[in-house]
């Protein structure tokens, strides 16, 4: 094989490789984690303050799981007077699998979620609640087994 055919082969392999990458990139979806991130940015300082307040009182993990359920365990002294609370499971790779719950803890500060409503994989979990006038906020990655 002479050098002209070798150069032509390299060019053809390069073009086919590029077309393959374009095809793969066209099939991917680019979903945003937050739809209204400009609105969310306005309240960002209060979320930072809520994270700091939670870090001061948190001694155990906020979210744990067993074979059948995921449990959100609020720290002691942070759920006596809850006025507004929510937990959101955001799936970064598929926005259709995002789930949000109104957080209603029991007398011990636990809220159980059935694992059948969640798919296996990585979630970004946002837990937010107001206890009296104090905001508490957590934004963690969580892997559902």
Foldseek 3Di string as FASTA:
>chain_A
DDPVVVVVVVVVVVVVVVVVVVVVVVPADQDDQDPPVVVVVVCVVLQVQQAVVQVVQDDDDQWDDDDWKIKGARGPPFPPAWDFKKKWWADRRDRVLIDIDGDDADPRRMDIDTCVSHDFAKTFMWIWIHRPNRIHIDTHIDGDD
